[in-house]
Amino acid sequence: MAQPPSAWLQEYEKAAWGTPANENPYENVPVGTPSVNGDGWSFPALFHTKREHKSFWFLLTEAGVTKDYCGTRLQGKYICLFTSSLC
């Protein structure tokens, strides 16, 4: 029986004093699961699927950003959004 795709994701923390600290635990959830707080998921995000007895992993993250970049998060079925309206 085929195993549905899964993801190791960390809930995004809204910006506030001392956050986002990215200290929420990672959760192993089915792909497409919305975050409990409704704010989406932080990077990095690790996805896993199997097909015909082969296992595939996909790591999605931000890289090569500068000090002027505000960062992004994943929302909904993985739309990339900026973390703040100030960006």
N, C-alpha and C. Protein backbone atom coordinates (compact mmCIF):
# COMPACT_ATOMS: atom_id res chain seq x y z
N MET A 1 0.83 -1.18 0.00
CA MET A 1 0.00 0.00 0.00
C MET A 1 0.88 1.25 0.00
N ALA A 2 0.53 2.21 -0.82
CA ALA A 2 1.31 3.45 -0.92
C ALA A 2 1.16 4.30 0.33
N GLN A 3 2.26 4.85 0.74
CA GLN A 3 2.26 5.75 1.89
C GLN A 3 2.07 7.18 1.39
N PRO A 4 1.13 7.95 1.97
CA PRO A 4 0.93 9.32 1.50
C PRO A 4 2.16 10.18 1.79
N PRO A 5 2.42 11.20 0.99
CA PRO A 5 3.56 12.08 1.23
C PRO A 5 3.43 12.75 2.59
N SER A 6 4.56 12.95 3.24
CA SER A 6 4.57 13.60 4.55
C SER A 6 5.60 14.72 4.55
N ALA A 7 5.55 15.53 5.59
CA ALA A 7 6.47 16.66 5.71
C ALA A 7 6.85 16.86 7.16
N TRP A 8 8.10 17.24 7.40
CA TRP A 8 8.55 17.68 8.71
C TRP A 8 8.52 19.20 8.67
N LEU A 9 7.60 19.79 9.43
CA LEU A 9 7.38 21.23 9.39
C LEU A 9 7.36 21.83 10.79
N GLN A 10 7.71 23.11 10.85
CA GLN A 10 7.71 23.87 12.10
C GLN A 10 6.74 25.04 11.95
N GLU A 11 5.77 25.16 12.87
CA GLU A 11 4.83 26.27 12.78
C GLU A 11 5.55 27.61 12.87
N TYR A 12 5.14 28.53 11.99
CA TYR A 12 5.70 29.88 11.98
C TYR A 12 5.20 30.65 13.19
N GLU A 13 6.10 31.43 13.80
CA GLU A 13 5.73 32.29 14.93
C GLU A 13 5.58 33.71 14.44
N LYS A 14 4.46 34.37 14.74
CA LYS A 14 4.27 35.77 14.37
C LYS A 14 5.33 36.62 15.05
N ALA A 15 5.73 37.68 14.36
CA ALA A 15 6.73 38.58 14.91
C ALA A 15 6.19 39.29 16.15
N ALA A 16 6.98 39.27 17.20
CA ALA A 16 6.69 39.96 18.45
C ALA A 16 8.02 40.12 19.17
N TRP A 17 8.00 40.75 20.30
CA TRP A 17 9.26 40.91 21.04
C TRP A 17 9.82 39.54 21.36
N GLY A 18 11.04 39.30 20.93
CA GLY A 18 11.69 38.01 21.19
C GLY A 18 11.33 36.91 20.20
N THR A 19 10.53 37.20 19.21
CA THR A 19 10.19 36.19 18.20
C THR A 19 10.31 36.83 16.83
N PRO A 20 10.32 36.17 15.72
CA PRO A 20 10.23 34.72 15.69
C PRO A 20 11.55 34.07 16.08
N ALA A 21 11.47 33.21 17.04
CA ALA A 21 12.64 32.53 17.56
C ALA A 21 12.85 31.17 16.91
N ASN A 22 11.84 30.70 16.16
CA ASN A 22 11.92 29.38 15.51
C ASN A 22 12.27 28.28 16.51
N GLU A 23 11.59 28.30 17.64
CA GLU A 23 11.82 27.29 18.66
C GLU A 23 10.65 26.32 18.81
N ASN A 24 9.65 26.44 17.93
CA ASN A 24 8.57 25.46 17.96
C ASN A 24 9.12 24.11 17.52
N PRO A 25 8.56 23.02 18.02
CA PRO A 25 9.04 21.70 17.59
C PRO A 25 8.63 21.40 16.15
N TYR A 26 9.41 20.59 15.48
CA TYR A 26 9.04 20.11 14.15
C TYR A 26 8.01 19.01 14.30
N GLU A 27 7.06 18.96 13.37
CA GLU A 27 5.99 17.97 13.39
C GLU A 27 6.02 17.18 12.08
N ASN A 28 5.80 15.88 12.17
CA ASN A 28 5.68 15.04 10.98
C ASN A 28 4.20 14.99 10.64
N VAL A 29 3.80 15.69 9.56
CA VAL A 29 2.39 15.82 9.19
C VAL A 29 2.18 15.43 7.73
N PRO A 30 0.96 15.04 7.35
CA PRO A 30 0.69 14.78 5.94
C PRO A 30 0.84 16.06 5.13
N VAL A 31 1.32 15.95 3.90
CA VAL A 31 1.46 17.11 3.02
C VAL A 31 0.10 17.77 2.85
N GLY A 32 0.06 19.10 2.96
CA GLY A 32 -1.17 19.85 2.83
C GLY A 32 -1.84 20.19 4.14
N THR A 33 -1.29 19.69 5.26
CA THR A 33 -1.86 19.98 6.57
C THR A 33 -1.67 21.46 6.90
N PRO A 34 -2.75 22.17 7.25
CA PRO A 34 -2.59 23.58 7.64
C PRO A 34 -1.98 23.69 9.03
N SER A 35 -1.28 24.77 9.30
CA SER A 35 -0.73 24.98 10.64
C SER A 35 -1.88 25.25 11.61
N VAL A 36 -1.70 24.85 12.85
CA VAL A 36 -2.75 25.01 13.86
C VAL A 36 -3.04 26.48 14.10
N ASN A 37 -2.00 27.31 14.16
CA ASN A 37 -2.19 28.74 14.45
C ASN A 37 -2.62 29.54 13.22
N GLY A 38 -2.63 28.93 12.04
CA GLY A 38 -3.06 29.61 10.82
C GLY A 38 -2.03 30.53 10.20
N ASP A 39 -0.83 30.60 10.77
CA ASP A 39 0.22 31.49 10.28
C ASP A 39 1.18 30.84 9.31
N GLY A 40 1.01 29.56 9.05
CA GLY A 40 1.88 28.88 8.10
C GLY A 40 3.04 28.16 8.77
N TRP A 41 4.04 27.85 7.95
CA TRP A 41 5.18 27.04 8.37
C TRP A 41 6.49 27.78 8.10
N SER A 42 7.49 27.55 8.94
CA SER A 42 8.81 28.15 8.80
C SER A 42 9.70 27.30 7.90
N PHE A 43 10.79 27.89 7.46
CA PHE A 43 11.83 27.16 6.74
C PHE A 43 12.90 26.70 7.73
N PRO A 44 13.61 25.63 7.48
CA PRO A 44 13.49 24.72 6.35
C PRO A 44 12.30 23.78 6.52
N ALA A 45 11.85 23.22 5.41
CA ALA A 45 10.75 22.27 5.39
C ALA A 45 11.22 21.01 4.65
N LEU A 46 11.05 19.88 5.26
CA LEU A 46 11.51 18.62 4.70
C LEU A 46 10.31 17.76 4.28
N PHE A 47 10.28 17.35 3.02
CA PHE A 47 9.18 16.56 2.48
C PHE A 47 9.67 15.17 2.12
N HIS A 48 8.77 14.17 2.27
CA HIS A 48 9.14 12.78 1.99
C HIS A 48 8.00 12.09 1.24
N THR A 49 8.36 11.32 0.23
CA THR A 49 7.39 10.50 -0.49
C THR A 49 8.05 9.21 -0.94
N LYS A 50 7.23 8.22 -1.22
CA LYS A 50 7.73 6.94 -1.72
C LYS A 50 6.99 6.61 -3.00
N ARG A 51 7.72 6.00 -3.93
CA ARG A 51 7.11 5.57 -5.19
C ARG A 51 7.86 4.34 -5.68
N GLU A 52 7.12 3.30 -5.95
CA GLU A 52 7.70 2.06 -6.47
C GLU A 52 8.93 1.62 -5.67
N HIS A 53 8.77 1.51 -4.38
CA HIS A 53 9.81 1.04 -3.46
C HIS A 53 11.03 1.95 -3.40
N LYS A 54 10.90 3.19 -3.88
CA LYS A 54 11.98 4.16 -3.77
C LYS A 54 11.52 5.29 -2.88
N SER A 55 12.44 5.80 -2.10
CA SER A 55 12.14 6.88 -1.17
C SER A 55 12.75 8.18 -1.69
N PHE A 56 11.98 9.25 -1.68
CA PHE A 56 12.45 10.55 -2.15
C PHE A 56 12.28 11.59 -1.05
N TRP A 57 13.31 12.41 -0.85
CA TRP A 57 13.29 13.49 0.14
C TRP A 57 13.53 14.80 -0.59
N PHE A 58 12.86 15.86 -0.13
CA PHE A 58 12.98 17.18 -0.73
C PHE A 58 13.07 18.21 0.39
N LEU A 59 14.16 18.96 0.43
CA LEU A 59 14.36 20.00 1.44
C LEU A 59 14.16 21.36 0.80
N LEU A 60 13.25 22.13 1.35
CA LEU A 60 12.96 23.46 0.86
C LEU A 60 13.40 24.47 1.91
N THR A 61 14.26 25.42 1.50
CA THR A 61 14.76 26.41 2.44
C THR A 61 15.12 27.68 1.70
N GLU A 62 15.51 28.69 2.44
CA GLU A 62 16.01 29.94 1.86
C GLU A 62 17.53 29.89 1.91
N ALA A 63 18.17 30.43 0.90
CA ALA A 63 19.63 30.43 0.87
C ALA A 63 20.12 31.64 0.09
N GLY A 64 21.31 32.07 0.40
CA GLY A 64 21.92 33.18 -0.32
C GLY A 64 21.24 34.51 -0.09
N VAL A 65 20.60 34.66 1.05
CA VAL A 65 19.91 35.92 1.33
C VAL A 65 20.89 36.92 1.96
N THR A 66 20.57 38.20 1.84
CA THR A 66 21.41 39.24 2.40
C THR A 66 20.77 39.81 3.66
N LYS A 67 21.48 40.72 4.31
CA LYS A 67 20.96 41.35 5.53
C LYS A 67 19.73 42.21 5.23
N ASP A 68 19.51 42.57 3.98
CA ASP A 68 18.37 43.39 3.60
C ASP A 68 17.13 42.57 3.27
N TYR A 69 17.23 41.27 3.32
CA TYR A 69 16.12 40.39 2.96
C TYR A 69 15.31 40.07 4.21
N CYS A 70 13.98 40.16 4.12
CA CYS A 70 13.16 39.98 5.32
C CYS A 70 12.75 38.54 5.59
N GLY A 71 12.96 37.66 4.67
CA GLY A 71 12.61 36.25 4.87
C GLY A 71 11.19 35.93 4.46
N THR A 72 10.90 34.64 4.31
CA THR A 72 9.58 34.19 3.89
C THR A 72 9.13 33.02 4.75
N ARG A 73 7.89 32.61 4.53
CA ARG A 73 7.30 31.46 5.21
C ARG A 73 6.39 30.75 4.23
N LEU A 74 5.95 29.56 4.57
CA LEU A 74 5.04 28.79 3.73
C LEU A 74 3.62 28.93 4.27
N GLN A 75 2.66 29.13 3.38
CA GLN A 75 1.27 29.30 3.80
C GLN A 75 0.38 28.41 2.94
N GLY A 76 -0.74 27.98 3.49
CA GLY A 76 -1.70 27.18 2.74
C GLY A 76 -1.07 25.91 2.21
N LYS A 77 -1.33 25.61 0.95
CA LYS A 77 -0.70 24.44 0.33
C LYS A 77 0.64 24.86 -0.24
N TYR A 78 1.41 25.55 0.60
CA TYR A 78 2.80 25.90 0.35
C TYR A 78 3.00 27.00 -0.68
N ILE A 79 2.36 28.12 -0.40
CA ILE A 79 2.62 29.37 -1.12
C ILE A 79 3.66 30.12 -0.31
N CYS A 80 4.64 30.66 -0.95
CA CYS A 80 5.71 31.37 -0.27
C CYS A 80 5.29 32.83 -0.04
N LEU A 81 5.25 33.25 1.23
CA LEU A 81 4.86 34.61 1.60
C LEU A 81 5.97 35.29 2.38
N PHE A 82 6.06 36.62 2.25
CA PHE A 82 6.97 37.36 3.10
C PHE A 82 6.43 37.33 4.52
N THR A 83 7.33 37.40 5.50
CA THR A 83 6.95 37.26 6.89
C THR A 83 6.29 38.52 7.45
N SER A 84 6.44 39.65 6.77
CA SER A 84 5.90 40.90 7.30
C SER A 84 5.38 41.76 6.16
N SER A 85 4.41 42.59 6.47
CA SER A 85 3.90 43.53 5.45
C SER A 85 4.89 44.66 5.21
N LEU A 86 5.94 44.74 6.01
CA LEU A 86 6.96 45.79 5.85
C LEU A 86 7.96 45.46 4.76
N CYS A 87 7.92 44.25 4.22
CA CYS A 87 8.90 43.83 3.21
C CYS A 87 8.51 44.28 1.83
